[in-house]
Amino acid sequence: PDQAVLERGLPKGMWGCLGIGTAIVLAILFGSAVGLHQITEFFSTRIPHQGNAAASVAFGAFGTAIALFALVLHRQASLAMKWPVVSGTITLSDIEQYRAARTEGGSRGPVMYQRRVSYTYKYNDLTYTNTHARLASSVASTSNWLVRKSTTDYKNGATVKVWVNPDNPSQATLEPRTGFVWVLWLSAAAIWGVAYYAAVHG
């Protein structure tokens, strides 16, 4: 329900942008396929005979993608920790329940749960309202219990510390640290381990 528009039609020039974007994506996919093929051939001559070069490269690339995502989140958290801190007030903190959109087959979507935190704060004599307690807070789950356990239950009307981006004061967070990043690092390490096993044992 927090997604809404005033104009349902596509903006002017959108089809041209979509065409250019599609061409760029296809070029990237083609280049990636050629690059992965060359990397696979390169590794196939340098791993044991029983190894599986294709699987090793695929798992290695997937693990690297997860590691890069974790690195970006870690970088965002490091920058947010240096933002100025102001006082804010919680205006609403609750679990939002909604039903996801129907699938392509027409069946009803699952019931989703998401923590919704709204708070106000003042920076440079201007008042702002934000709905993101974390830097990455738009994660929803089908488990009400998981959402409650993995998010902070703020009390309505409570005074909190707000880390504000000085370059864009409308961007703020109550929790600059991203504690779940270690899960991504562990996942990347595990996938790299699978890539190594595929390279050595096939």
C-alpha atoms as a PDB file:
ATOM      1  CA  PRO A   1       0.000   0.000   0.000  1.00  0.00           C
ATOM      2  CA  ASP A   2       2.933   2.396   0.382  1.00  0.00           C
ATOM      3  CA  GLN A   3       3.444   2.202  -3.387  1.00  0.00           C
ATOM      4  CA  ALA A   4       1.207   4.665  -5.214  1.00  0.00           C
ATOM      5  CA  VAL A   5       1.275   6.901  -8.290  1.00  0.00           C
ATOM      6  CA  LEU A   6      -0.641   9.899  -9.626  1.00  0.00           C
ATOM      7  CA  GLU A   7      -0.038   9.012 -13.291  1.00  0.00           C
ATOM      8  CA  ARG A   8      -0.258   5.423 -14.497  1.00  0.00           C
ATOM      9  CA  GLY A   9       0.926   6.139 -18.038  1.00  0.00           C
ATOM     10  CA  LEU A  10       4.550   5.820 -19.097  1.00  0.00           C
ATOM     11  CA  PRO A  11       6.548   9.079 -19.294  1.00  0.00           C
ATOM     12  CA  LYS A  12       7.342  10.510 -22.722  1.00  0.00           C
ATOM     13  CA  GLY A  13      10.421   8.971 -24.275  1.00  0.00           C
ATOM     14  CA  MET A  14      10.205   5.898 -22.047  1.00  0.00           C
ATOM     15  CA  TRP A  15      10.118   3.449 -24.970  1.00  0.00           C
ATOM     16  CA  GLY A  16      13.322   4.917 -26.378  1.00  0.00           C
ATOM     17  CA  CYS A  17      15.000   4.636 -22.998  1.00  0.00           C
ATOM     18  CA  LEU A  18      13.776   1.064 -22.646  1.00  0.00           C
ATOM     19  CA  GLY A  19      15.166   0.214 -26.083  1.00  0.00           C
ATOM     20  CA  ILE A  20      18.558   1.676 -25.259  1.00  0.00           C
ATOM     21  CA  GLY A  21      18.565   0.003 -21.855  1.00  0.00           C
ATOM     22  CA  THR A  22      17.672  -3.356 -23.398  1.00  0.00           C
ATOM     23  CA  ALA A  23      20.521  -3.040 -25.896  1.00  0.00           C
ATOM     24  CA  ILE A  24      22.955  -2.241 -23.089  1.00  0.00           C
ATOM     25  CA  VAL A  25      21.754  -5.187 -20.988  1.00  0.00           C
ATOM     26  CA  LEU A  26      22.062  -7.573 -23.942  1.00  0.00           C
ATOM     27  CA  ALA A  27      25.579  -6.287 -24.634  1.00  0.00           C
ATOM     28  CA  ILE A  28      26.534  -6.829 -20.996  1.00  0.00           C
ATOM     29  CA  LEU A  29      25.055 -10.337 -20.976  1.00  0.00           C
ATOM     30  CA  PHE A  30      26.811 -11.249 -24.221  1.00  0.00           C
ATOM     31  CA  GLY A  31      30.106  -9.843 -22.961  1.00  0.00           C
ATOM     32  CA  SER A  32      29.711 -11.661 -19.653  1.00  0.00           C
ATOM     33  CA  ALA A  33      28.982 -14.954 -21.407  1.00  0.00           C
ATOM     34  CA  VAL A  34      32.071 -14.585 -23.611  1.00  0.00           C
ATOM     35  CA  GLY A  35      34.166 -13.564 -20.618  1.00  0.00           C
ATOM     36  CA  LEU A  36      32.978 -16.486 -18.486  1.00  0.00           C
ATOM     37  CA  HIS A  37      33.660 -18.871 -21.367  1.00  0.00           C
ATOM     38  CA  GLN A  38      37.221 -17.601 -21.674  1.00  0.00           C
ATOM     39  CA  ILE A  39      37.726 -17.762 -17.903  1.00  0.00           C
ATOM     40  CA  THR A  40      36.395 -21.329 -17.876  1.00  0.00           C
ATOM     41  CA  GLU A  41      38.818 -22.346 -20.617  1.00  0.00           C
ATOM     42  CA  PHE A  42      41.649 -20.654 -18.715  1.00  0.00           C
ATOM     43  CA  PHE A  43      40.883 -22.530 -15.485  1.00  0.00           C
ATOM     44  CA  SER A  44      40.233 -25.858 -17.229  1.00  0.00           C
ATOM     45  CA  THR A  45      43.940 -26.091 -18.059  1.00  0.00           C
ATOM     46  CA  ARG A  46      45.027 -25.278 -14.509  1.00  0.00           C
ATOM     47  CA  ILE A  47      42.873 -27.482 -12.294  1.00  0.00           C
ATOM     48  CA  PRO A  48      43.096 -31.221 -11.629  1.00  0.00           C
ATOM     49  CA  HIS A  49      41.790 -33.515 -14.325  1.00  0.00           C
ATOM     50  CA  GLN A  50      38.733 -34.529 -12.276  1.00  0.00           C
ATOM     51  CA  GLY A  51      37.836 -30.898 -11.555  1.00  0.00           C
ATOM     52  CA  ASN A  52      34.822 -29.118 -12.997  1.00  0.00           C
ATOM     53  CA  ALA A  53      35.943 -25.757 -14.372  1.00  0.00           C
ATOM     54  CA  ALA A  54      32.456 -24.571 -15.364  1.00  0.00           C
ATOM     55  CA  ALA A  55      30.953 -25.204 -11.925  1.00  0.00           C
ATOM     56  CA  SER A  56      33.996 -23.721 -10.210  1.00  0.00           C
ATOM     57  CA  VAL A  57      33.783 -20.481 -12.220  1.00  0.00           C
ATOM     58  CA  ALA A  58      29.990 -20.239 -11.754  1.00  0.00           C
ATOM     59  CA  PHE A  59      30.123 -20.697  -7.986  1.00  0.00           C
ATOM     60  CA  GLY A  60      33.141 -18.415  -7.737  1.00  0.00           C
ATOM     61  CA  ALA A  61      31.346 -15.648  -9.636  1.00  0.00           C
ATOM     62  CA  PHE A  62      28.218 -16.059  -7.501  1.00  0.00           C
ATOM     63  CA  GLY A  63      30.233 -15.897  -4.286  1.00  0.00           C
ATOM     64  CA  THR A  64      32.029 -12.806  -5.540  1.00  0.00           C
ATOM     65  CA  ALA A  65      28.709 -11.104  -6.315  1.00  0.00           C
ATOM     66  CA  ILE A  66      27.495 -11.748  -2.750  1.00  0.00           C
ATOM     67  CA  ALA A  67      30.808 -10.493  -1.349  1.00  0.00           C
ATOM     68  CA  LEU A  68      30.535  -7.284  -3.382  1.00  0.00           C
ATOM     69  CA  PHE A  69      26.997  -6.736  -2.085  1.00  0.00           C
ATOM     70  CA  ALA A  70      28.239  -7.241   1.494  1.00  0.00           C
ATOM     71  CA  LEU A  71      31.097  -4.831   0.827  1.00  0.00           C
ATOM     72  CA  VAL A  72      28.665  -2.156  -0.387  1.00  0.00           C
ATOM     73  CA  LEU A  73      26.499  -2.535   2.735  1.00  0.00           C
ATOM     74  CA  HIS A  74      29.588  -2.429   4.948  1.00  0.00           C
ATOM     75  CA  ARG A  75      30.724   0.729   3.185  1.00  0.00           C
ATOM     76  CA  GLN A  76      27.308   2.348   3.633  1.00  0.00           C
ATOM     77  CA  ALA A  77      27.329   1.523   7.343  1.00  0.00           C
ATOM     78  CA  SER A  78      30.839   2.933   7.764  1.00  0.00           C
ATOM     79  CA  LEU A  79      29.806   6.206   6.136  1.00  0.00           C
ATOM     80  CA  ALA A  80      26.561   6.407   8.131  1.00  0.00           C
ATOM     81  CA  MET A  81      28.459   6.036  11.416  1.00  0.00           C
ATOM     82  CA  LYS A  82      30.193   9.343  10.591  1.00  0.00           C
ATOM     83  CA  TRP A  83      26.953  11.240   9.935  1.00  0.00           C
ATOM     84  CA  PRO A  84      25.903  13.906  12.457  1.00  0.00           C
ATOM     85  CA  VAL A  85      23.499  12.727  15.146  1.00  0.00           C
ATOM     86  CA  VAL A  86      20.324  14.627  16.050  1.00  0.00           C
ATOM     87  CA  SER A  87      17.356  13.903  18.282  1.00  0.00           C
ATOM     88  CA  GLY A  88      14.196  12.448  16.774  1.00  0.00           C
ATOM     89  CA  THR A  89      10.762  11.232  17.846  1.00  0.00           C
ATOM     90  CA  ILE A  90       9.041   7.960  16.906  1.00  0.00           C
ATOM     91  CA  THR A  91       5.591   8.638  15.499  1.00  0.00           C
ATOM     92  CA  LEU A  92       4.694   5.068  14.536  1.00  0.00           C
ATOM     93  CA  SER A  93       6.276   1.646  14.972  1.00  0.00           C
ATOM     94  CA  ASP A  94       4.335  -1.457  14.060  1.00  0.00           C
ATOM     95  CA  ILE A  95       4.299  -4.573  11.889  1.00  0.00           C
ATOM     96  CA  GLU A  96       2.565  -3.970   8.559  1.00  0.00           C
ATOM     97  CA  GLN A  97       0.648  -6.897   7.087  1.00  0.00           C
ATOM     98  CA  TYR A  98      -0.360  -7.049   3.441  1.00  0.00           C
ATOM     99  CA  ARG A  99      -0.942  -9.570   0.682  1.00  0.00           C
ATOM    100  CA  ALA A 100       1.572  -9.723  -2.153  1.00  0.00           C
ATOM    101  CA  ALA A 101       0.448  -9.336  -5.756  1.00  0.00           C
ATOM    102  CA  ARG A 102      -1.020 -12.302  -7.587  1.00  0.00           C
ATOM    103  CA  THR A 103       1.379 -14.601  -9.379  1.00  0.00           C
ATOM    104  CA  GLU A 104       1.441 -14.991 -13.147  1.00  0.00           C
ATOM    105  CA  GLY A 105      -0.675 -18.123 -12.785  1.00  0.00           C
ATOM    106  CA  GLY A 106      -3.421 -16.112 -11.111  1.00  0.00           C
ATOM    107  CA  SER A 107      -3.069 -17.589  -7.620  1.00  0.00           C
ATOM    108  CA  ARG A 108      -3.219 -15.318  -4.599  1.00  0.00           C
ATOM    109  CA  GLY A 109       0.030 -13.928  -3.319  1.00  0.00           C
ATOM    110  CA  PRO A 110       1.321 -14.787   0.163  1.00  0.00           C
ATOM    111  CA  VAL A 111       0.672 -12.668   3.237  1.00  0.00           C
ATOM    112  CA  MET A 112       3.751 -10.524   3.881  1.00  0.00           C
ATOM    113  CA  TYR A 113       4.983  -8.772   7.017  1.00  0.00           C
ATOM    114  CA  GLN A 114       7.229  -5.720   7.247  1.00  0.00           C
ATOM    115  CA  ARG A 115       8.353  -3.460  10.068  1.00  0.00           C
ATOM    116  CA  ARG A 116       7.108   0.091   9.520  1.00  0.00           C
ATOM    117  CA  VAL A 117       8.862   2.776  11.542  1.00  0.00           C
ATOM    118  CA  SER A 118       8.034   6.451  11.073  1.00  0.00           C
ATOM    119  CA  TYR A 119       9.943   9.176  12.888  1.00  0.00           C
ATOM    120  CA  THR A 120      10.516  12.905  12.703  1.00  0.00           C
ATOM    121  CA  TYR A 121      13.716  14.865  13.266  1.00  0.00           C
ATOM    122  CA  LYS A 122      15.045  18.373  12.751  1.00  0.00           C
ATOM    123  CA  TYR A 123      18.235  19.244  10.877  1.00  0.00           C
ATOM    124  CA  ASN A 124      19.365  22.792  10.104  1.00  0.00           C
ATOM    125  CA  ASP A 125      16.045  24.141  11.411  1.00  0.00           C
ATOM    126  CA  LEU A 126      14.050  21.997   8.955  1.00  0.00           C
ATOM    127  CA  THR A 127      11.775  19.161  10.063  1.00  0.00           C
ATOM    128  CA  TYR A 128      11.927  15.835   8.221  1.00  0.00           C
ATOM    129  CA  THR A 129       9.905  12.629   8.349  1.00  0.00           C
ATOM    130  CA  ASN A 130      11.436   9.273   7.489  1.00  0.00           C
ATOM    131  CA  THR A 131      10.118   5.715   7.361  1.00  0.00           C
ATOM    132  CA  HIS A 132      13.391   3.769   7.236  1.00  0.00           C
ATOM    133  CA  ALA A 133      14.853   2.765  10.571  1.00  0.00           C
ATOM    134  CA  ARG A 134      17.746   0.952   8.888  1.00  0.00           C
ATOM    135  CA  LEU A 135      19.871   1.619   5.839  1.00  0.00           C
ATOM    136  CA  ALA A 136      18.367  -1.545   4.313  1.00  0.00           C
ATOM    137  CA  SER A 137      14.912  -1.729   5.888  1.00  0.00           C
ATOM    138  CA  SER A 138      12.623  -2.614   3.006  1.00  0.00           C
ATOM    139  CA  VAL A 139      12.962  -6.365   3.570  1.00  0.00           C
ATOM    140  CA  ALA A 140       9.644  -8.169   3.943  1.00  0.00           C
ATOM    141  CA  SER A 141       8.996 -11.749   5.021  1.00  0.00           C
ATOM    142  CA  THR A 142       6.143 -14.222   5.154  1.00  0.00           C
ATOM    143  CA  SER A 143       7.054 -14.878   8.806  1.00  0.00           C
ATOM    144  CA  ASN A 144       5.636 -12.473  11.360  1.00  0.00           C
ATOM    145  CA  TRP A 145       7.879 -13.993  14.026  1.00  0.00           C
ATOM    146  CA  LEU A 146      11.029 -13.496  11.930  1.00  0.00           C
ATOM    147  CA  VAL A 147      10.233  -9.837  11.262  1.00  0.00           C
ATOM    148  CA  ARG A 148       9.596  -9.167  14.956  1.00  0.00           C
ATOM    149  CA  LYS A 149      12.812 -10.916  16.001  1.00  0.00           C
ATOM    150  CA  SER A 150      15.023  -9.272  13.374  1.00  0.00           C
ATOM    151  CA  THR A 151      13.738  -5.685  13.798  1.00  0.00           C
ATOM    152  CA  THR A 152      13.612  -3.250  16.700  1.00  0.00           C
ATOM    153  CA  ASP A 153      10.239  -2.546  18.294  1.00  0.00           C
ATOM    154  CA  TYR A 154      10.350   1.193  18.989  1.00  0.00           C
ATOM    155  CA  LYS A 155       7.831   2.756  21.333  1.00  0.00           C
ATOM    156  CA  ASN A 156       5.528   5.409  19.888  1.00  0.00           C
ATOM    157  CA  GLY A 157       6.555   8.847  21.140  1.00  0.00           C
ATOM    158  CA  ALA A 158      10.027   7.686  22.213  1.00  0.00           C
ATOM    159  CA  THR A 159      13.026   9.974  21.737  1.00  0.00           C
ATOM    160  CA  VAL A 160      15.748   8.385  19.605  1.00  0.00           C
ATOM    161  CA  LYS A 161      19.093   9.211  18.045  1.00  0.00           C
ATOM    162  CA  VAL A 162      18.961   9.858  14.307  1.00  0.00           C
ATOM    163  CA  TRP A 163      22.003   9.679  12.046  1.00  0.00           C
ATOM    164  CA  VAL A 164      21.457  12.211   9.237  1.00  0.00           C
ATOM    165  CA  ASN A 165      23.220  12.369   5.884  1.00  0.00           C
ATOM    166  CA  PRO A 166      24.530  15.969   5.760  1.00  0.00           C
ATOM    167  CA  ASP A 167      24.580  15.929   1.942  1.00  0.00           C
ATOM    168  CA  ASN A 168      20.957  14.756   1.797  1.00  0.00           C
ATOM    169  CA  PRO A 169      19.179  15.412   5.120  1.00  0.00           C
ATOM    170  CA  SER A 170      16.077  13.530   3.959  1.00  0.00           C
ATOM    171  CA  GLN A 171      18.189  10.364   4.205  1.00  0.00           C
ATOM    172  CA  ALA A 172      18.561   9.208   7.783  1.00  0.00           C
ATOM    173  CA  THR A 173      18.704   6.068   9.879  1.00  0.00           C
ATOM    174  CA  LEU A 174      18.150   4.966  13.447  1.00  0.00           C
ATOM    175  CA  GLU A 175      20.454   1.968  13.089  1.00  0.00           C
ATOM    176  CA  PRO A 176      23.579   2.742  11.039  1.00  0.00           C
ATOM    177  CA  ARG A 177      25.103  -0.649  11.730  1.00  0.00           C
ATOM    178  CA  THR A 178      24.095  -3.552   9.481  1.00  0.00           C
ATOM    179  CA  GLY A 179      24.438  -6.561  11.734  1.00  0.00           C
ATOM    180  CA  PHE A 180      23.355  -9.082   9.093  1.00  0.00           C
ATOM    181  CA  VAL A 181      26.343  -8.330   6.830  1.00  0.00           C
ATOM    182  CA  TRP A 182      28.283 -11.151   8.478  1.00  0.00           C
ATOM    183  CA  VAL A 183      25.662 -13.579   7.126  1.00  0.00           C
ATOM    184  CA  LEU A 184      26.507 -12.422   3.593  1.00  0.00           C
ATOM    185  CA  TRP A 185      30.238 -12.817   4.248  1.00  0.00           C
ATOM    186  CA  LEU A 186      29.689 -16.351   5.572  1.00  0.00           C
ATOM    187  CA  SER A 187      27.528 -17.170   2.551  1.00  0.00           C
ATOM    188  CA  ALA A 188      30.202 -15.902   0.164  1.00  0.00           C
ATOM    189  CA  ALA A 189      32.875 -17.939   1.966  1.00  0.00           C
ATOM    190  CA  ALA A 190      30.705 -21.075   1.812  1.00  0.00           C
ATOM    191  CA  ILE A 191      30.068 -20.632  -1.920  1.00  0.00           C
ATOM    192  CA  TRP A 192      33.768 -20.058  -2.539  1.00  0.00           C
ATOM    193  CA  GLY A 193      34.375 -23.313  -0.678  1.00  0.00           C
ATOM    194  CA  VAL A 194      31.987 -25.086  -3.034  1.00  0.00           C
ATOM    195  CA  ALA A 195      33.843 -23.529  -5.986  1.00  0.00           C
ATOM    196  CA  TYR A 196      37.145 -24.833  -4.627  1.00  0.00           C
ATOM    197  CA  TYR A 197      35.677 -28.299  -4.110  1.00  0.00           C
ATOM    198  CA  ALA A 198      34.336 -28.295  -7.679  1.00  0.00           C
ATOM    199  CA  ALA A 199      37.755 -27.274  -8.991  1.00  0.00           C
ATOM    200  CA  VAL A 200      39.615 -29.968  -7.084  1.00  0.00           C
ATOM    201  CA  HIS A 201      37.177 -32.881  -6.883  1.00  0.00           C
ATOM    202  CA  GLY A 202      34.729 -32.165  -9.708  1.00  0.00           C
END
